[in-house]
Protein backbone atom coordinates (compact mmCIF):
# COMPACT_ATOMS: atom_id res chain seq x y z
CA UNK A 1 7.26 -1.20 -19.05
CA UNK A 2 9.96 -3.86 -19.31
CA UNK A 3 12.28 -1.61 -17.29
CA UNK A 4 9.60 -0.83 -14.71
CA UNK A 5 8.85 -4.54 -14.25
CA UNK A 6 12.55 -5.37 -13.90
CA UNK A 7 12.87 -2.62 -11.28
CA UNK A 8 9.86 -4.01 -9.42
CA UNK A 9 11.42 -7.50 -9.49
CA UNK A 10 14.60 -6.15 -7.94
CA UNK A 11 12.73 -4.24 -5.24
CA UNK A 12 10.42 -7.14 -4.42
CA UNK A 13 13.37 -9.50 -3.96
CA UNK A 14 14.97 -7.14 -1.47
CA UNK A 15 11.76 -6.37 0.39
CA UNK A 16 10.82 -10.03 0.78
CA UNK A 17 14.24 -10.86 2.21
CA UNK A 18 13.57 -8.34 4.99
CA UNK A 19 9.84 -8.92 5.45
CA UNK A 20 8.86 -10.63 8.69
CA UNK A 21 12.18 -9.92 10.36
CA UNK A 22 12.97 -7.73 13.34
CA UNK A 23 14.11 -4.52 11.65
CA UNK A 24 15.51 -1.34 13.10
CA UNK A 25 12.99 1.42 12.47
CA UNK A 26 13.90 5.08 12.13
CA UNK A 27 11.55 8.05 12.03
CA UNK A 28 11.91 10.61 9.27
CA UNK A 29 11.28 14.33 9.74
CA UNK A 30 7.56 13.86 9.05
CA UNK A 31 7.39 11.11 11.73
CA UNK A 32 6.89 8.37 9.13
CA UNK A 33 8.92 5.17 9.60
CA UNK A 34 11.74 3.96 7.37
CA UNK A 35 13.88 0.82 7.38
CA UNK A 36 16.87 -0.56 5.56
CA UNK A 37 14.41 -2.42 3.31
CA UNK A 38 12.93 0.86 2.03
CA UNK A 39 16.36 2.29 1.29
CA UNK A 40 17.81 -0.80 -0.37
CA UNK A 41 14.70 -1.32 -2.48
CA UNK A 42 14.75 2.24 -3.76
CA UNK A 43 18.45 2.00 -4.57
CA UNK A 44 17.76 -1.14 -6.59
CA UNK A 45 14.93 0.53 -8.53
CA UNK A 46 17.06 3.56 -9.28
CA UNK A 47 19.93 1.37 -10.51
CA UNK A 48 17.68 -0.46 -12.98
CA UNK A 49 16.21 2.77 -14.34
CA UNK A 50 19.56 4.56 -14.62
CA UNK A 51 21.12 1.69 -16.51
CA UNK A 52 18.50 1.96 -19.27
CA UNK A 53 17.51 5.64 -19.06
CA UNK A 54 20.46 7.62 -17.64
CA UNK A 55 19.00 10.95 -18.76
CA UNK A 56 15.63 10.50 -17.05
CA UNK A 57 14.81 12.20 -13.74
CA UNK A 58 13.93 10.11 -10.69
CA UNK A 59 11.88 11.14 -7.66
CA UNK A 60 11.83 8.63 -4.81
CA UNK A 61 10.38 8.44 -1.33
CA UNK A 62 13.71 7.90 0.41
CA UNK A 63 16.28 9.79 -1.68
CA UNK A 64 14.30 12.64 -3.20
CA UNK A 65 14.59 13.94 -6.73
CA UNK A 66 17.59 13.62 -9.05
CA UNK A 67 17.86 14.98 -12.56
CA UNK A 68 15.94 17.41 -14.73
CA UNK A 69 14.02 15.80 -17.57
CA UNK A 70 10.59 15.75 -19.15
CA UNK A 71 10.59 12.05 -18.20
CA UNK A 72 10.21 11.65 -14.42
CA UNK A 73 10.08 8.30 -12.63
CA UNK A 74 8.09 8.30 -9.39
CA UNK A 75 9.06 5.66 -6.82
CA UNK A 76 7.75 4.48 -3.48
CA UNK A 77 9.86 1.37 -2.80
CA UNK A 78 7.67 0.12 0.05
CA UNK A 79 4.32 1.87 0.19
CA UNK A 80 2.86 0.77 3.50
CA UNK A 81 5.99 0.69 5.65
CA UNK A 82 3.91 0.62 8.84
CA UNK A 83 2.32 -2.63 7.67
CA UNK A 84 5.69 -3.93 6.52
CA UNK A 85 7.38 -3.49 9.90
CA UNK A 86 4.46 -5.20 11.66
CA UNK A 87 4.62 -8.18 9.25
CA UNK A 88 1.26 -7.33 7.72
CA UNK A 89 0.89 -8.01 3.97
CA UNK A 90 -0.65 -4.65 2.97
CA UNK A 91 2.39 -3.06 1.34
CA UNK A 92 3.65 -2.76 -2.21
CA UNK A 93 6.27 -1.37 -4.55
CA UNK A 94 5.01 1.61 -6.56
CA UNK A 95 6.71 2.72 -9.79
CA UNK A 96 5.25 5.25 -12.24
CA UNK A 97 6.45 7.33 -15.17
CA UNK A 98 5.36 10.91 -15.78
CA UNK A 99 6.11 12.50 -19.17
CA UNK A 100 5.62 16.26 -19.60
CA UNK A 101 3.57 16.29 -16.41
CA UNK A 102 1.26 13.46 -17.48
CA UNK A 103 1.20 10.04 -15.84
CA UNK A 104 1.63 7.44 -18.57
CA UNK A 105 2.77 4.21 -16.89
CA UNK A 106 2.23 2.49 -13.57
CA UNK A 107 3.35 -0.70 -11.83
CA UNK A 108 2.02 -1.70 -8.41
CA UNK A 109 3.66 -4.86 -7.14
CA UNK A 110 2.42 -6.68 -4.03
CA UNK A 111 4.61 -9.77 -3.58
CA UNK A 112 2.97 -10.94 -0.36
CA UNK A 113 -0.27 -11.31 -2.33
CA UNK A 114 1.45 -12.68 -5.45
CA UNK A 115 -0.18 -9.81 -7.29
CA UNK A 116 1.18 -7.22 -9.68
CA UNK A 117 -0.94 -4.57 -11.41
CA UNK A 118 0.33 -2.62 -14.42
CA UNK A 119 -0.91 -0.18 -17.03
CA UNK A 120 0.27 2.02 -19.86
CA UNK A 121 -1.85 4.96 -20.92
CA UNK A 122 -4.15 3.90 -23.76
CA UNK A 123 -3.38 0.18 -23.45
CA UNK A 124 -5.60 -1.03 -20.62
CA UNK A 125 -4.87 -2.33 -17.13
CA UNK A 126 -3.77 -5.79 -16.04
CA UNK A 127 -3.30 -7.77 -12.84
CA UNK A 128 -0.93 -10.69 -13.31
CA UNK A 129 -1.40 -10.39 -17.11
CA UNK A 130 -5.19 -10.62 -16.79
CA UNK A 131 -7.13 -7.62 -18.15
CA UNK A 132 -9.15 -5.86 -15.44
CA UNK A 133 -12.07 -3.44 -15.50
CA UNK A 134 -13.95 -1.41 -12.89
CA UNK A 135 -17.54 -2.35 -12.10
CA UNK A 136 -19.87 0.16 -13.74
CA UNK A 137 -22.65 1.10 -11.32
CA UNK A 138 -24.72 4.23 -10.79
CA UNK A 139 -26.09 3.96 -7.24
CA UNK A 140 -24.06 4.63 -4.13
CA UNK A 141 -26.44 2.29 -2.33
CA UNK A 142 -24.99 -0.57 -4.39
CA UNK A 143 -21.37 0.40 -3.81
CA UNK A 144 -18.56 -0.85 -1.60
CA UNK A 145 -16.65 2.22 -0.40
CA UNK A 146 -13.10 2.05 0.94
CA UNK A 147 -11.53 4.78 3.06
CA UNK A 148 -7.88 5.56 3.64
CA UNK A 149 -6.64 7.36 6.73
CA UNK A 150 -9.83 8.18 8.65
CA UNK A 151 -7.91 10.26 11.16
CA UNK A 152 -6.96 12.86 8.57
CA UNK A 153 -10.32 12.64 6.83
CA UNK A 154 -12.03 13.37 10.15
CA UNK A 155 -10.02 16.57 10.53
CA UNK A 156 -11.05 17.93 7.13
CA UNK A 157 -14.00 20.03 6.08
CA UNK A 158 -15.73 17.08 4.42
CA UNK A 159 -16.29 14.90 7.47
CA UNK A 160 -20.07 15.24 7.19
CA UNK A 161 -19.80 14.14 3.56
CA UNK A 162 -17.83 11.07 4.65
CA UNK A 163 -20.58 10.26 7.13
CA UNK A 164 -23.16 10.44 4.35
CA UNK A 165 -21.13 8.01 2.23
CA UNK A 166 -20.91 5.54 5.10
CA UNK A 167 -24.65 5.76 5.80
CA UNK A 168 -25.68 5.33 2.14
CA UNK A 169 -23.15 2.84 0.79
CA UNK A 170 -23.83 -0.88 0.71
CA UNK A 171 -20.77 -1.38 2.89
CA UNK A 172 -17.57 0.39 3.87
CA UNK A 173 -14.03 -0.95 4.13
CA UNK A 174 -10.62 0.29 5.21
CA UNK A 175 -7.97 -1.83 3.54
CA UNK A 176 -5.43 0.96 3.04
CA UNK A 177 -2.52 1.48 0.66
CA UNK A 178 -2.48 -0.39 -2.67
CA UNK A 179 -5.10 -3.04 -1.94
CA UNK A 180 -8.26 -0.99 -2.34
CA UNK A 181 -7.07 0.36 -5.71
CA UNK A 182 -6.29 -3.08 -7.07
CA UNK A 183 -9.77 -4.21 -6.05
CA UNK A 184 -11.35 -1.12 -7.60
CA UNK A 185 -9.57 -1.77 -10.89
CA UNK A 186 -10.66 -5.41 -10.77
CA UNK A 187 -14.33 -4.69 -9.99
CA UNK A 188 -14.25 -5.87 -6.36
CA UNK A 189 -14.47 -2.40 -4.84
CA UNK A 190 -16.38 0.62 -6.12
CA UNK A 191 -15.10 3.81 -4.46
CA UNK A 192 -11.84 4.80 -2.78
CA UNK A 193 -11.60 7.98 -0.68
CA UNK A 194 -8.29 8.94 0.86
CA UNK A 195 -6.41 11.91 2.23
CA UNK A 196 -2.90 12.48 3.58
CA UNK A 197 -1.26 10.96 0.49
CA UNK A 198 1.49 12.19 -1.80
CA UNK A 199 2.04 11.59 -5.49
CA UNK A 200 4.53 8.77 -4.86
CA UNK A 201 1.83 6.81 -3.03
CA UNK A 202 -0.73 6.97 -5.80
CA UNK A 203 0.89 7.78 -9.18
CA UNK A 204 1.05 4.20 -10.44
CA UNK A 205 -2.38 3.42 -9.02
CA UNK A 206 -3.89 6.40 -10.82
CA UNK A 207 -2.74 5.05 -14.20
CA UNK A 208 -4.00 1.57 -13.35
CA UNK A 209 -7.47 2.75 -12.24
CA UNK A 210 -7.84 5.09 -15.23
CA UNK A 211 -6.87 2.36 -17.67
CA UNK A 212 -9.32 -0.02 -15.99
CA UNK A 213 -12.08 2.43 -16.93
CA UNK A 214 -12.26 4.32 -13.65
CA UNK A 215 -11.99 8.00 -12.77
CA UNK A 216 -9.14 9.06 -10.49
CA UNK A 217 -8.85 12.61 -9.12
CA UNK A 218 -8.27 14.38 -5.85
CA UNK A 219 -11.25 15.26 -3.67
CA UNK A 220 -11.72 18.51 -5.60
CA UNK A 221 -11.79 16.81 -8.99
CA UNK A 222 -8.26 17.62 -10.13
CA UNK A 223 -6.17 15.04 -11.96
CA UNK A 224 -3.10 13.84 -10.03
CA UNK A 225 0.04 15.97 -10.13
CA UNK A 226 3.12 16.39 -7.98
CA UNK A 227 1.12 18.32 -5.35
CA UNK A 228 -1.76 15.85 -4.95
CA UNK A 229 -2.69 15.04 -1.32
CA UNK A 230 -6.10 13.32 -1.59
CA UNK A 231 -7.98 10.81 -3.75
CA UNK A 232 -11.48 10.21 -5.03
CA UNK A 233 -11.51 7.17 -7.29
CA UNK A 234 -14.53 5.31 -8.65
CA UNK A 235 -16.28 4.22 -11.81
CA UNK A 236 -17.16 7.32 -13.89
CA UNK A 237 -20.87 7.47 -13.02
CA UNK A 238 -20.33 7.27 -9.28
CA UNK A 239 -17.34 9.58 -9.45
CA UNK A 240 -19.43 12.35 -11.04
CA UNK A 241 -22.14 11.97 -8.41
CA UNK A 242 -19.73 11.97 -5.49
CA UNK A 243 -17.80 14.94 -6.77
CA UNK A 244 -21.04 16.87 -7.27
CA UNK A 245 -22.23 16.01 -3.76
CA UNK A 246 -19.12 17.58 -2.26
CA UNK A 247 -19.73 20.99 -3.83
């Protein structure tokens, strides 16, 4: 965790130097944007990890995977680049560690909010050194539900199910990226539904939500792995109900 936090410090310093400035934006092969801030931040994270753990493997958003080890660091240096380039605060640095295929550590750092979430498997979740816990509720009618990319959700088979959630929930939100997961872990949000993600987007957040007492799977109930593309996250009681209602 000390190494992960040092890497997040380095990335945050770089990202904040670029944030709010007029940056040149390139499009990657998948049409997602990238800037010099993304690349420099990932390089800084990799340098910190390699100095302490030269034998570990690293898989990053901008430079792919290096190394072959049971210990794999998962990095998204600026998750929310579209927000970043438009000077919106909804972006973060995501760093996670997977050991033998299991996520065991996560750091989600959001410097524009002055907020950093962290967790180690079996040791609880924290935001700015304050322990956090999901809100334990049983009724969807009492829940705040947050959705990720509605465009991709609307193209999936479960669009009618999404409509039912919206009609039954106490209220619906659409914060996007890290913010809804931090609020879920801290009891300010109750359900997060998202598609069109990859493991680098959500690995750290999965550890944080789990350690805050939540349940974090894909929309079919599978625990996150390198092939994950969707999320259903909630307190355990609601998660079971929502997963059952999809089948």
